[in-house]
N, C-alpha and C. Protein backbone atom coordinates (compact mmCIF):
# COMPACT_ATOMS: atom_id res chain seq x y z
N UNK A 1 22.77 69.01 163.74
CA UNK A 1 22.68 69.83 162.88
C UNK A 1 22.32 71.39 163.12
N UNK A 2 22.69 72.16 162.08
CA UNK A 2 22.97 73.60 162.38
C UNK A 2 21.36 73.85 162.10
N UNK A 3 21.42 75.23 162.84
CA UNK A 3 19.91 75.75 163.22
C UNK A 3 19.22 75.89 161.60
N UNK A 4 20.09 76.71 160.87
CA UNK A 4 19.94 77.27 159.66
C UNK A 4 19.49 75.94 158.44
N UNK A 5 20.21 74.87 159.07
CA UNK A 5 19.55 73.57 157.85
C UNK A 5 18.51 73.21 158.57
N UNK A 6 18.32 72.97 159.94
CA UNK A 6 16.84 72.54 160.32
C UNK A 6 15.80 73.74 160.07
N UNK A 7 16.06 74.68 159.93
CA UNK A 7 14.58 75.40 159.42
C UNK A 7 14.52 75.79 158.32
N UNK A 8 15.29 75.24 157.33
CA UNK A 8 15.19 74.73 155.96
C UNK A 8 14.51 73.68 155.75
N UNK A 9 14.97 72.43 156.56
CA UNK A 9 13.98 71.29 156.59
C UNK A 9 12.72 71.18 157.15
N UNK A 10 12.51 72.12 157.96
CA UNK A 10 11.49 72.39 158.42
C UNK A 10 10.37 73.27 157.70
N UNK A 11 10.87 74.15 156.80
CA UNK A 11 10.22 74.78 155.78
C UNK A 11 9.38 73.97 154.57
N UNK A 12 10.44 73.15 154.03
CA UNK A 12 10.50 72.01 152.84
C UNK A 12 9.29 71.19 153.44
N UNK A 13 9.31 70.57 154.89
CA UNK A 13 8.39 69.95 155.43
C UNK A 13 7.21 70.13 155.29
N UNK A 14 6.94 71.50 155.73
CA UNK A 14 5.78 72.42 155.98
C UNK A 14 5.03 72.59 154.69
N UNK A 15 6.14 72.87 153.53
CA UNK A 15 5.45 72.81 152.24
C UNK A 15 4.79 71.59 151.45
N UNK A 16 5.40 70.68 152.16
CA UNK A 16 5.31 69.56 151.40
C UNK A 16 3.86 68.90 152.21
N UNK A 17 3.59 69.19 153.59
CA UNK A 17 2.48 69.18 154.15
C UNK A 17 1.40 69.81 153.57
N UNK A 18 1.56 70.83 153.35
CA UNK A 18 0.42 71.71 152.69
C UNK A 18 -0.08 71.00 151.45
N UNK A 19 0.79 70.84 150.28
CA UNK A 19 0.68 70.15 149.13
C UNK A 19 -0.32 68.75 149.55
N UNK A 20 0.35 68.00 150.41
CA UNK A 20 -0.23 66.50 150.63
C UNK A 20 -1.69 66.75 151.14
N UNK A 21 -1.67 67.83 152.08
CA UNK A 21 -3.27 68.25 152.59
C UNK A 21 -4.02 68.36 151.61
N UNK A 22 -3.71 69.36 150.25
CA UNK A 22 -4.68 69.70 149.47
C UNK A 22 -4.85 68.67 148.51
N UNK A 23 -3.87 67.72 148.22
CA UNK A 23 -4.63 66.59 147.63
C UNK A 23 -4.91 65.34 148.30
N UNK A 24 -4.52 65.29 149.30
CA UNK A 24 -5.34 63.96 149.99
C UNK A 24 -6.13 64.10 150.97
N UNK A 25 -6.37 65.17 151.84
CA UNK A 25 -6.95 65.59 152.82
C UNK A 25 -6.35 65.71 154.37
N UNK A 26 -6.74 66.12 155.10
CA UNK A 26 -5.93 66.29 156.29
C UNK A 26 -5.89 64.99 157.23
N UNK A 27 -6.78 64.29 157.13
CA UNK A 27 -6.63 63.14 157.97
C UNK A 27 -6.24 61.85 157.16
N UNK A 28 -5.52 62.04 155.91
CA UNK A 28 -5.05 60.97 155.56
C UNK A 28 -3.70 60.26 156.04
N UNK A 29 -3.42 59.19 155.72
CA UNK A 29 -2.48 58.27 156.14
C UNK A 29 -0.84 59.25 155.92
N UNK A 30 -0.80 59.92 154.73
CA UNK A 30 0.27 60.75 154.19
C UNK A 30 0.32 61.92 154.88
N UNK A 31 -0.51 62.58 155.00
CA UNK A 31 -0.62 63.88 155.71
C UNK A 31 -0.06 63.70 157.45
N UNK A 32 -0.76 62.70 157.97
CA UNK A 32 -0.22 62.17 159.23
C UNK A 32 1.42 62.15 159.29
N UNK A 33 1.40 61.47 158.34
CA UNK A 33 2.88 61.03 158.46
C UNK A 33 4.17 62.24 158.22
N UNK A 34 3.19 63.08 157.62
CA UNK A 34 4.37 64.23 157.15
C UNK A 34 4.23 65.17 158.10
N UNK A 35 2.81 64.87 159.13
CA UNK A 35 2.78 65.82 160.46
C UNK A 35 3.94 65.50 161.22
N UNK A 36 3.84 64.15 161.57
CA UNK A 36 4.78 63.43 162.49
C UNK A 36 6.42 63.51 162.20
N UNK A 37 6.69 63.76 160.66
CA UNK A 37 7.87 64.38 160.41
C UNK A 37 8.26 65.70 160.82
N UNK A 38 7.57 66.50 160.47
CA UNK A 38 7.56 67.96 160.74
C UNK A 38 7.76 68.45 162.37
N UNK A 39 6.88 67.29 163.24
CA UNK A 39 6.67 67.58 164.62
C UNK A 39 8.21 67.47 165.30
N UNK A 40 8.82 65.88 164.65
CA UNK A 40 10.14 65.74 164.78
C UNK A 40 11.22 66.64 164.59
N UNK A 41 11.09 67.53 163.43
CA UNK A 41 12.09 68.81 163.16
C UNK A 41 12.03 69.70 163.99
N UNK A 42 10.42 70.22 164.14
CA UNK A 42 10.30 71.35 165.22
C UNK A 42 10.99 71.02 166.57
N UNK A 43 10.90 69.81 167.19
CA UNK A 43 11.31 69.36 168.42
C UNK A 43 12.98 69.59 168.24
N UNK A 44 13.25 68.95 167.36
CA UNK A 44 14.80 69.21 167.01
C UNK A 44 15.59 70.40 167.29
N UNK A 45 14.80 71.12 166.38
CA UNK A 45 14.89 72.59 166.69
C UNK A 45 14.92 73.01 167.88
N UNK A 46 13.86 73.10 168.57
CA UNK A 46 13.77 73.45 169.55
C UNK A 46 14.68 73.17 170.79
N UNK A 47 14.87 71.67 170.92
CA UNK A 47 16.07 71.30 171.83
C UNK A 47 17.45 71.90 171.26
N UNK A 48 17.59 72.39 170.11
CA UNK A 48 18.97 73.04 169.78
C UNK A 48 18.77 74.24 170.40
N UNK A 49 17.56 74.94 170.46
CA UNK A 49 17.55 76.58 171.01
C UNK A 49 18.06 76.34 172.36
N UNK A 50 17.16 75.60 173.22
CA UNK A 50 17.51 75.53 174.46
C UNK A 50 18.78 75.04 174.86
N UNK A 51 19.46 74.15 174.06
CA UNK A 51 21.01 74.12 174.27
C UNK A 51 21.85 74.95 174.07
N UNK A 52 21.38 75.92 173.09
CA UNK A 52 22.18 76.99 172.77
C UNK A 52 21.92 78.37 174.01
N UNK A 53 20.53 78.30 174.54
CA UNK A 53 20.54 79.06 175.55
C UNK A 53 21.07 79.01 176.43
N UNK A 54 21.11 77.37 177.04
CA UNK A 54 21.73 76.94 178.12
C UNK A 54 23.26 77.40 178.24
N UNK A 55 24.00 77.30 177.06
CA UNK A 55 25.13 77.42 176.93
C UNK A 55 25.76 78.78 176.98
N UNK A 56 24.90 79.38 176.59
CA UNK A 56 25.18 81.01 176.63
C UNK A 56 24.96 81.54 177.99
N UNK A 57 24.25 80.94 178.86
CA UNK A 57 23.97 81.40 180.24
C UNK A 57 25.07 80.97 181.14
N UNK A 58 25.89 79.90 180.61
CA UNK A 58 26.97 79.47 181.44
C UNK A 58 27.97 80.26 181.45
């Protein structure tokens, strides 16, 4: 996945999380699920950044 695509997905998921938390509360099952999905996207972004950094150093 391209970095810009991941950043777009991260922003969408973040906005979704804000809406879910406002409606259902921070500890709701839906908020926890969306938070996990956001974490996965952030981890994917960080992995890609590390790969890119190591490739440019080689």
